[in-house]
Amino acid sequence: MAAAPEGPKDQGMAPLFDLVVRHVAEPRIEQGPFRMLGTILEANPYLGRIVTGRITSGIIRPNQNVKVLDRNGKLVEHGRITKVLAFRGLERTGVDEASAGDIVAVAGLPEATVSHTICAPEVSTALPAQPIDPPTLAMTFRINDSPLTGTEGDKVQSRVIRERLLREAEGNVALRVKDSTEKDAMEVAGRGELQLGILIETMRREGFELSVSRPQVLLERSAHGEMREPIEEVVIDVDQEHSGIVVQTLSERKAEMIEMRPSGGGRVRLIFHAPTRGLIGYHGELLADTRGTAVMNRLFHGYGPYRGEIAGRRNGVLISNDQGDAVAYAMWNLEDRGPMMIEPGCKVYRGMIVGEHTRGNDLEVNVLKGKKLTNIRTHAKDEAVRLIPPMQMTLEKALAYIAEDELVEVTPKAIRLRKKLLDPNERRKDERRKEAERV
C-alpha cells in the first residue's frame, strides 16, 4: 500500500513555523515610554531601597535615567536605576533589560515607595494607584535611663536605636520615623498599636533596651479649624450570647454601630465605626469578654469629628521608693493596697511601678522591707507567706495600661512599668506645673 503524500501536512505547518522564527529573530519593539507602578517596598543592606512592580509600558535597563511621580503626578525625585532584578523561580537575579509585562525590582531610588510611578523623564502623568492608609498612632521611643540599664541587653545607645528605626522605615511603607522634641528619643508613627507592638517585640528579641510611651492618636484640623480624629471600621464576629457586652463596651469607647446581622452557626457580625483612640487595648478586653471566641478585623475608614473624652484608667499605681530585690513579706503586707505586678525576688528601683492602687491616687510603697527577726517562735507567726498571684503585664496590655506620665521599659528579659520622672520631687514639681497650666 502506497504511503499518503506528506505535502499538504508540511504546507499547513509552514506558516506557524515561520511565525515562531520571526518572533525569535525579531527584536522586541518598545511600545511607548517606560512606566511602572511600585507595589512592594523593601530595604537591602547593599542595594538600598528596592521597589517591586509590574512594567506597564516600555523597556527598563540598568543605568537608565528615570523620575518618580506620586499619585497626583507631583515630582518626587529624579534618579538612575542601578540594578534591575527579575524573578527566576524562587531566585531573583539581575538582568540587562526588562519590557512591558515583566515583574521586576529596581534599585537606586531612595525616595520611591509604594503607589509611586517610576517612569521615563518625558512622562508627565502618573499611573492610577490606591492611596496608602496614613499612620494613626504615634509613640515615643526613648533610651532606657533606669538604674537597670545595660544589665539585660547590649543595644542601649540612642544612636543604635535611631539607626534601627530608620532601617525599619526603609522597608515598611506604613511606618514613619522622625526625631522627637525630647532628648535621645524618636517619634514612631504606625497603623495601630499592634504594628508598633510587633516592632517593639522584634527589637527586644534583637537585644535592644528601650522605653516607650503610651500610644498617641494623630489628630488633624479641618479647613474650618475643627479637630478631626482617625476613624476605623471594626468588624467583629462573635457568639450571639456575647454580642450585648461587645456593643456596650464599644459604645463606652465612642463607637457607632453601623450594622448587625447573623453570620450563621449562632454567631453575629457587628460592624462599627470607632475612633482609633477608643480601640487602644481593646483586643485583650474583647477576648476576655467573649471567652476568646470573638474575631475582630480593623480597617482605616477616614477622619471624622472629634468624639469627646473617653474614660481611661481610674486607679492609681503603687510606686517603689527604693532600689533592691522585692521581699515577699513586704508584698504580703501591701496586698490590701492593691494587686501587685511583680513577684518576690524581682529587681525594683525608685520610681518603678510595682502594683495597682485601689484608689485613684499614686502611692509610694516599700517592697524591700523584710520581717524583723526575734528569738520568739510561734506557729502562727512562722507560717509561710502566701501571696496572691500578680497581674501579668504583657507588652500589649502594658502599652494600653500606662498613663501620660508613665513609660514601658522593654528589655530582652523583662517588661516593666515606670514613671517617666523617677525622682518623687521632680514628679511633684511636674504636677504643680500642669495644674498651673490648666488654671
Protein backbone atom coordinates (compact mmCIF):
# COMPACT_ATOMS: atom_id res chain seq x y z
CA MET A 1 0.00 0.00 0.00
CA ALA A 2 1.36 3.37 -1.02
CA ALA A 3 2.04 5.91 1.70
CA ALA A 4 -0.07 9.07 1.86
CA PRO A 5 1.62 12.20 0.47
CA GLU A 6 3.18 14.48 3.10
CA GLY A 7 2.98 17.71 1.09
CA PRO A 8 -0.29 19.18 2.40
CA LYS A 9 0.62 18.47 6.05
CA ASP A 10 4.03 20.14 5.71
CA GLN A 11 2.44 23.14 3.99
CA GLY A 12 -0.07 23.50 6.88
CA MET A 13 2.71 23.73 9.50
CA ALA A 14 4.86 26.15 7.49
CA PRO A 15 3.05 29.40 8.46
CA LEU A 16 3.24 28.56 12.20
CA PHE A 17 6.95 27.69 11.88
CA ASP A 18 7.66 30.95 10.08
CA LEU A 19 5.80 32.89 12.80
CA VAL A 20 7.89 31.31 15.55
CA VAL A 21 11.13 32.01 13.65
CA ARG A 22 10.18 35.65 13.09
CA HIS A 23 9.24 36.09 16.79
CA VAL A 24 12.60 34.73 17.92
CA ALA A 25 14.68 36.58 15.33
CA GLU A 26 13.00 39.98 15.52
CA PRO A 27 13.90 42.25 18.47
CA ARG A 28 11.24 43.31 20.95
CA ILE A 29 9.61 46.60 19.96
CA GLU A 30 9.35 49.27 22.63
CA GLN A 31 5.75 50.48 22.89
CA GLY A 32 5.71 53.91 24.50
CA PRO A 33 7.92 55.31 27.27
CA PHE A 34 8.80 53.30 30.36
CA ARG A 35 6.26 53.31 33.21
CA MET A 36 6.00 51.11 36.29
CA LEU A 37 3.84 51.29 39.44
CA GLY A 38 5.53 50.39 42.73
CA THR A 39 3.63 47.77 44.73
CA ILE A 40 6.19 46.27 47.15
CA LEU A 41 8.88 48.03 49.16
CA GLU A 42 11.91 46.51 50.87
CA ALA A 43 15.37 47.53 52.08
CA ASN A 44 18.63 45.81 51.16
CA PRO A 45 21.90 46.49 53.01
CA TYR A 46 23.84 46.53 49.73
CA LEU A 47 21.44 47.94 47.15
CA GLY A 48 19.42 50.28 49.38
CA ARG A 49 15.72 50.73 48.78
CA ILE A 50 14.21 48.23 46.33
CA VAL A 51 10.81 48.81 44.71
CA THR A 52 9.00 45.93 43.03
CA GLY A 53 6.26 46.32 40.43
CA ARG A 54 4.96 45.36 37.01
CA ILE A 55 6.14 47.27 33.96
CA THR A 56 3.13 48.81 32.22
CA SER A 57 4.90 50.03 29.09
CA GLY A 58 8.37 50.50 27.64
CA ILE A 59 11.73 48.95 28.47
CA ILE A 60 13.97 49.42 31.51
CA ARG A 61 17.72 48.87 31.62
CA PRO A 62 20.37 49.41 34.31
CA ASN A 63 21.88 52.94 34.43
CA GLN A 64 18.77 54.36 32.81
CA ASN A 65 17.60 57.81 33.97
CA VAL A 66 14.07 57.89 35.37
CA LYS A 67 11.86 60.06 37.54
CA VAL A 68 9.35 59.25 40.28
CA LEU A 69 5.82 60.69 40.45
CA ASP A 70 3.32 60.40 43.30
CA ARG A 71 -0.37 59.53 42.86
CA ASN A 72 -1.22 63.13 41.92
CA GLY A 73 1.53 63.42 39.33
CA LYS A 74 3.80 65.55 41.53
CA LEU A 75 7.53 65.02 41.04
CA VAL A 76 9.19 63.14 43.92
CA GLU A 77 12.74 62.73 42.60
CA HIS A 78 14.98 62.24 39.59
CA GLY A 79 17.29 59.24 39.70
CA ARG A 80 19.14 56.49 37.90
CA ILE A 81 18.36 52.79 38.02
CA THR A 82 21.40 50.97 39.43
CA LYS A 83 20.03 47.44 39.28
CA VAL A 84 17.15 45.63 37.58
CA LEU A 85 16.22 42.33 39.23
CA ALA A 86 13.91 39.75 37.67
CA PHE A 87 12.35 36.70 39.29
CA ARG A 88 13.53 33.30 38.08
CA GLY A 89 11.54 30.83 40.12
CA LEU A 90 12.37 31.48 43.77
CA GLU A 91 15.55 33.33 42.89
CA ARG A 92 15.96 36.98 41.99
CA THR A 93 18.74 37.74 39.54
CA GLY A 94 19.98 40.82 37.73
CA VAL A 95 19.00 41.31 34.09
CA ASP A 96 20.19 43.66 31.35
CA GLU A 97 16.72 44.51 30.13
CA ALA A 98 13.04 44.11 31.04
CA SER A 99 9.99 45.07 28.99
CA ALA A 100 6.26 45.63 29.40
CA GLY A 101 4.51 42.85 31.31
CA ASP A 102 7.58 41.82 33.34
CA ILE A 103 7.54 41.96 37.14
CA VAL A 104 10.87 43.38 38.26
CA ALA A 105 12.54 45.01 41.24
CA VAL A 106 14.56 48.17 40.71
CA ALA A 107 17.20 49.74 42.98
CA GLY A 108 18.77 53.18 43.10
CA LEU A 109 15.77 55.37 44.03
CA PRO A 110 15.97 56.43 47.70
CA GLU A 111 12.60 58.25 47.76
CA ALA A 112 10.39 55.91 45.71
CA THR A 113 7.79 53.90 47.57
CA VAL A 114 4.53 52.02 47.10
CA SER A 115 1.89 53.71 44.85
CA HIS A 116 4.59 55.87 43.19
CA THR A 117 5.02 55.77 39.41
CA ILE A 118 8.58 55.13 38.16
CA CYS A 119 8.76 56.37 34.59
CA ALA A 120 10.87 57.85 31.82
CA PRO A 121 11.79 61.56 32.13
CA GLU A 122 9.35 62.59 29.37
CA VAL A 123 6.30 61.09 31.13
CA SER A 124 4.12 63.64 32.97
CA THR A 125 1.10 61.61 34.14
CA ALA A 126 1.14 59.04 36.95
CA LEU A 127 -0.47 55.62 36.84
CA PRO A 128 -3.69 55.24 38.88
CA ALA A 129 -2.96 53.81 42.34
CA GLN A 130 -4.74 53.22 45.63
CA PRO A 131 -3.71 55.58 48.46
CA ILE A 132 -1.74 54.21 51.40
CA ASP A 133 -3.55 54.42 54.72
CA PRO A 134 -1.90 57.14 56.83
CA PRO A 135 -0.39 56.42 60.25
CA THR A 136 -2.96 56.81 63.03
CA LEU A 137 -0.89 56.29 66.20
CA ALA A 138 2.47 57.61 67.34
CA MET A 139 4.77 56.52 70.16
CA THR A 140 7.99 57.93 71.55
CA PHE A 141 10.92 55.50 71.60
CA ARG A 142 13.46 56.63 74.21
CA ILE A 143 16.67 55.25 75.60
CA ASN A 144 16.33 53.21 78.76
CA ASP A 145 17.63 55.51 81.52
CA SER A 146 16.54 53.40 84.50
CA PRO A 147 19.08 52.16 87.11
CA LEU A 148 18.95 48.69 85.47
CA THR A 149 20.17 49.95 82.09
CA GLY A 150 22.54 47.58 80.31
CA THR A 151 22.03 44.64 82.67
CA GLU A 152 19.79 42.66 80.29
CA GLY A 153 20.54 43.96 76.79
CA ASP A 154 23.56 45.06 74.76
CA LYS A 155 21.97 47.70 72.49
CA VAL A 156 21.13 50.69 74.64
CA GLN A 157 22.61 53.75 72.86
CA SER A 158 20.28 56.28 71.23
CA ARG A 159 22.37 56.16 68.05
CA VAL A 160 21.86 52.41 67.69
CA ILE A 161 18.12 52.69 68.36
CA ARG A 162 17.80 55.50 65.83
CA GLU A 163 19.61 53.55 63.11
CA ARG A 164 17.43 50.51 63.74
CA LEU A 165 14.21 52.52 63.46
CA LEU A 166 15.32 54.27 60.27
CA ARG A 167 16.28 50.91 58.77
CA GLU A 168 12.83 49.57 59.64
CA ALA A 169 11.14 52.56 58.00
CA GLU A 170 13.08 51.90 54.77
CA GLY A 171 11.16 48.69 54.15
CA ASN A 172 7.90 49.40 55.99
CA VAL A 173 5.59 51.62 53.99
CA ALA A 174 3.16 52.19 56.89
CA LEU A 175 5.83 53.39 59.32
CA ARG A 176 7.01 56.97 59.75
CA VAL A 177 10.04 57.85 61.90
CA LYS A 178 11.22 61.34 62.85
CA ASP A 179 13.24 62.99 65.59
CA SER A 180 11.34 63.85 68.75
CA THR A 181 11.47 67.08 70.70
CA GLU A 182 12.69 65.09 73.70
CA LYS A 183 16.36 64.31 74.15
CA ASP A 184 17.58 60.89 72.92
CA ALA A 185 14.13 60.00 71.59
CA MET A 186 12.44 59.21 68.26
CA GLU A 187 8.78 59.54 67.35
CA VAL A 188 7.44 56.49 65.51
CA ALA A 189 4.02 56.58 63.83
CA GLY A 190 2.23 53.50 62.53
CA ARG A 191 -1.11 51.92 61.69
CA GLY A 192 -2.13 50.86 65.19
CA GLU A 193 -0.68 49.60 68.43
CA LEU A 194 -0.40 46.06 67.03
CA GLN A 195 2.08 47.12 64.34
CA LEU A 196 4.10 49.17 66.82
CA GLY A 197 3.95 46.34 69.35
CA ILE A 198 5.38 43.90 66.79
CA LEU A 199 8.23 46.32 66.12
CA ILE A 200 8.99 46.63 69.85
CA GLU A 201 8.88 42.88 70.34
CA THR A 202 11.24 42.36 67.38
CA MET A 203 13.70 44.90 68.75
CA ARG A 204 13.76 43.38 72.23
CA ARG A 205 14.48 39.96 70.76
CA GLU A 206 17.40 41.53 68.91
CA GLY A 207 18.91 42.69 72.21
CA PHE A 208 17.61 46.27 72.40
CA GLU A 209 16.75 48.06 75.62
CA LEU A 210 14.38 50.99 75.32
CA SER A 211 11.43 52.73 76.95
CA VAL A 212 8.26 53.64 75.07
CA SER A 213 5.40 56.00 75.84
CA ARG A 214 1.67 55.44 75.63
CA PRO A 215 0.35 55.48 72.02
CA GLN A 216 -0.98 58.89 70.99
CA VAL A 217 -3.59 59.36 68.28
CA LEU A 218 -2.56 61.62 65.39
CA LEU A 219 -5.25 64.30 65.09
CA GLU A 220 -5.70 66.78 62.27
CA ARG A 221 -7.52 70.06 61.79
CA SER A 222 -10.02 70.55 59.00
CA ALA A 223 -10.16 73.58 56.73
CA HIS A 224 -12.69 75.15 59.13
CA GLY A 225 -10.41 74.66 62.15
CA GLU A 226 -12.30 71.81 63.83
CA MET A 227 -10.40 68.87 65.32
CA ARG A 228 -10.68 65.58 63.44
CA GLU A 229 -9.53 62.12 64.52
CA PRO A 230 -8.96 58.83 62.65
CA ILE A 231 -11.99 56.54 62.47
CA GLU A 232 -11.71 52.80 61.82
CA GLU A 233 -14.24 50.30 60.53
CA VAL A 234 -14.35 47.43 63.01
CA VAL A 235 -15.88 44.07 62.05
CA ILE A 236 -16.44 41.63 64.92
CA ASP A 237 -17.75 38.06 64.57
CA VAL A 238 -18.96 36.87 67.96
CA ASP A 239 -21.32 34.34 69.53
CA GLN A 240 -24.82 35.74 69.93
CA GLU A 241 -24.72 35.41 73.73
CA HIS A 242 -21.73 37.80 73.93
CA SER A 243 -23.00 40.43 71.48
CA GLY A 244 -24.53 42.56 74.25
CA ILE A 245 -21.30 43.14 76.18
CA VAL A 246 -19.45 43.91 72.92
CA VAL A 247 -21.97 46.58 71.92
CA GLN A 248 -21.97 48.08 75.42
CA THR A 249 -18.17 48.23 75.70
CA LEU A 250 -17.65 49.77 72.28
CA SER A 251 -20.41 52.31 72.93
CA GLU A 252 -18.49 53.41 76.01
CA ARG A 253 -15.46 53.84 73.75
CA LYS A 254 -17.44 56.23 71.49
CA ALA A 255 -18.03 53.68 68.72
CA GLU A 256 -21.10 53.81 66.48
CA MET A 257 -22.73 50.55 65.35
CA ILE A 258 -23.40 50.52 61.60
CA GLU A 259 -24.72 47.03 61.00
CA MET A 260 -25.70 43.90 62.91
CA ARG A 261 -26.59 40.68 61.11
CA PRO A 262 -26.45 36.92 61.77
CA SER A 263 -23.48 35.13 60.23
CA GLY A 264 -24.63 31.53 60.81
CA GLY A 265 -23.88 28.94 63.45
CA GLY A 266 -25.29 31.04 66.26
CA ARG A 267 -22.86 33.88 65.60
CA VAL A 268 -23.44 37.56 64.85
CA ARG A 269 -21.44 40.00 62.74
CA LEU A 270 -21.19 43.51 64.21
CA ILE A 271 -19.82 46.44 62.21
CA PHE A 272 -18.78 49.65 63.99
CA HIS A 273 -17.19 52.96 63.14
CA ALA A 274 -14.91 53.55 66.12
CA PRO A 275 -12.25 56.16 66.89
CA THR A 276 -8.73 54.76 66.89
CA ARG A 277 -8.03 56.04 70.42
CA GLY A 278 -11.03 54.07 71.67
CA LEU A 279 -9.57 50.82 70.32
CA ILE A 280 -6.25 51.07 72.18
CA GLY A 281 -6.04 47.98 74.36
CA TYR A 282 -9.50 46.74 73.38
CA HIS A 283 -8.44 43.48 71.73
CA GLY A 284 -7.45 41.87 75.04
CA GLU A 285 -10.65 43.09 76.70
CA LEU A 286 -12.70 41.67 73.80
CA LEU A 287 -11.16 38.23 74.21
CA ALA A 288 -11.82 38.32 77.96
CA ASP A 289 -15.45 39.39 77.48
CA THR A 290 -16.16 36.73 74.85
CA ARG A 291 -14.06 33.90 76.35
CA GLY A 292 -11.71 34.02 73.38
CA THR A 293 -14.38 33.26 70.76
CA ALA A 294 -14.56 36.66 69.01
CA VAL A 295 -12.72 37.57 65.81
CA MET A 296 -12.00 41.25 65.14
CA ASN A 297 -10.82 42.98 61.96
CA ARG A 298 -9.94 46.67 61.66
CA LEU A 299 -9.71 48.86 58.58
CA PHE A 300 -8.97 52.57 58.31
CA HIS A 301 -12.18 54.36 57.34
CA GLY A 302 -11.24 58.04 57.33
CA TYR A 303 -11.10 61.13 59.52
CA GLY A 304 -14.17 62.25 61.42
CA PRO A 305 -15.18 64.83 64.03
CA TYR A 306 -13.61 64.52 67.47
CA ARG A 307 -15.95 62.40 69.60
CA GLY A 308 -15.07 63.73 73.05
CA GLU A 309 -13.22 62.31 76.00
CA ILE A 310 -13.03 58.56 76.58
CA ALA A 311 -12.74 57.26 80.14
CA GLY A 312 -9.34 55.76 80.81
CA ARG A 313 -7.69 54.15 83.81
CA ARG A 314 -9.30 55.25 87.06
CA ASN A 315 -6.90 53.66 89.55
CA GLY A 316 -3.54 54.95 90.64
CA VAL A 317 -0.38 52.86 90.89
CA LEU A 318 1.97 51.65 93.62
CA ILE A 319 5.48 53.03 93.14
CA SER A 320 8.65 51.64 94.69
CA ASN A 321 10.52 54.15 96.86
CA ASP A 322 13.87 52.31 96.89
CA GLN A 323 16.10 50.02 94.83
CA GLY A 324 16.77 46.36 95.54
CA ASP A 325 15.09 42.93 95.42
CA ALA A 326 11.41 42.67 96.30
CA VAL A 327 10.65 40.80 99.54
CA ALA A 328 7.64 38.51 99.90
CA TYR A 329 6.90 39.68 103.45
CA ALA A 330 6.68 43.33 102.36
CA MET A 331 4.47 42.45 99.39
CA TRP A 332 2.20 40.44 101.66
CA ASN A 333 1.70 43.47 103.92
CA LEU A 334 0.87 45.63 100.88
CA GLU A 335 -1.80 43.36 99.40
CA ASP A 336 -4.55 45.49 100.96
CA ARG A 337 -3.30 48.46 98.95
CA GLY A 338 -3.91 46.72 95.63
CA PRO A 339 -2.80 43.87 93.34
CA MET A 340 0.90 43.52 92.62
CA MET A 341 2.62 43.37 89.22
CA ILE A 342 5.89 41.82 90.39
CA GLU A 343 6.99 38.60 92.08
CA PRO A 344 9.22 38.12 95.14
CA GLY A 345 12.90 38.50 94.26
CA CYS A 346 12.19 40.79 91.31
CA LYS A 347 14.63 43.68 90.93
CA VAL A 348 12.96 47.05 91.53
CA TYR A 349 14.19 50.63 91.61
CA ARG A 350 12.97 54.01 92.74
CA GLY A 351 10.12 55.20 90.55
CA MET A 352 9.23 51.73 89.20
CA ILE A 353 5.55 50.72 89.22
CA VAL A 354 5.09 47.57 91.30
CA GLY A 355 1.30 47.34 91.55
CA GLU A 356 -2.09 48.96 91.10
CA HIS A 357 -3.54 51.15 93.84
CA THR A 358 -7.15 50.53 94.91
CA ARG A 359 -7.75 54.29 94.90
CA GLY A 360 -7.33 56.96 92.27
CA ASN A 361 -4.04 58.42 93.51
CA ASP A 362 -0.48 57.13 93.23
CA LEU A 363 1.18 55.78 96.37
CA GLU A 364 4.86 55.20 97.12
CA VAL A 365 5.48 51.91 98.94
CA ASN A 366 8.43 49.94 100.28
CA VAL A 367 8.59 46.42 98.84
CA LEU A 368 12.07 45.80 100.29
CA LYS A 369 11.17 45.75 103.98
CA GLY A 370 11.83 42.31 105.47
CA LYS A 371 10.49 40.72 108.62
CA LYS A 372 12.32 41.68 111.81
CA LEU A 373 14.00 38.70 113.43
CA THR A 374 13.37 37.86 117.10
CA ASN A 375 14.08 34.91 119.34
CA ILE A 376 10.37 34.24 119.82
CA ARG A 377 8.92 31.43 117.75
CA THR A 378 5.20 30.70 117.45
CA HIS A 379 3.32 28.57 114.99
CA ALA A 380 1.03 31.42 113.88
CA LYS A 381 3.82 33.89 113.15
CA ASP A 382 6.10 31.44 111.40
CA GLU A 383 3.58 30.36 108.75
CA ALA A 384 4.75 30.60 105.15
CA VAL A 385 3.72 33.80 103.36
CA ARG A 386 1.08 33.11 100.72
CA LEU A 387 0.76 35.80 98.07
CA ILE A 388 -2.00 36.48 95.58
CA PRO A 389 -0.71 35.81 92.04
CA PRO A 390 0.48 39.09 90.45
CA MET A 391 -1.02 40.83 87.42
CA GLN A 392 0.68 39.53 84.28
CA MET A 393 1.54 42.57 82.15
CA THR A 394 2.13 41.63 78.54
CA LEU A 395 3.52 44.21 76.11
CA GLU A 396 0.13 44.93 74.54
CA LYS A 397 -1.56 45.21 77.93
CA ALA A 398 1.22 47.42 79.32
CA LEU A 399 1.02 49.88 76.40
CA ALA A 400 -2.72 50.30 76.96
CA TYR A 401 -2.39 50.48 80.77
CA ILE A 402 0.16 53.25 81.27
CA ALA A 403 -0.83 56.92 81.67
CA GLU A 404 0.67 60.01 80.07
CA ASP A 405 3.38 60.37 82.74
CA GLU A 406 4.45 56.71 82.61
CA LEU A 407 6.63 54.56 80.37
CA VAL A 408 7.05 50.89 79.48
CA GLU A 409 10.62 49.68 79.95
CA VAL A 410 11.34 46.93 77.42
CA THR A 411 14.39 44.66 77.68
CA PRO A 412 15.18 41.21 76.26
CA LYS A 413 14.27 39.63 79.61
CA ALA A 414 11.55 41.80 81.16
CA ILE A 415 8.73 44.28 80.61
CA ARG A 416 8.50 46.83 83.41
CA LEU A 417 6.28 49.82 84.06
CA ARG A 418 7.79 53.01 85.46
CA LYS A 419 7.17 56.69 85.95
CA LYS A 420 8.68 59.00 83.35
CA LEU A 421 10.27 61.01 86.17
CA LEU A 422 11.84 58.62 88.68
CA ASP A 423 12.54 61.26 91.35
CA PRO A 424 9.41 61.91 93.51
CA ASN A 425 10.36 65.57 93.95
CA GLU A 426 10.54 66.04 90.19
CA ARG A 427 7.13 64.37 89.82
CA ARG A 428 5.54 66.74 92.35
CA LYS A 429 7.04 69.76 90.56
CA ASP A 430 5.69 68.49 87.26
CA GLU A 431 2.20 68.01 88.75
CA ARG A 432 2.18 71.56 90.13
CA ARG A 433 3.29 72.92 86.78
CA LYS A 434 0.47 71.06 84.96
CA GLU A 435 -2.10 72.30 87.47
CA ALA A 436 -0.91 75.88 86.96
CA GLU A 437 -1.23 75.49 83.17
CA ARG A 438 -4.79 74.17 83.49
CA VAL A 439 -5.78 77.15 85.64
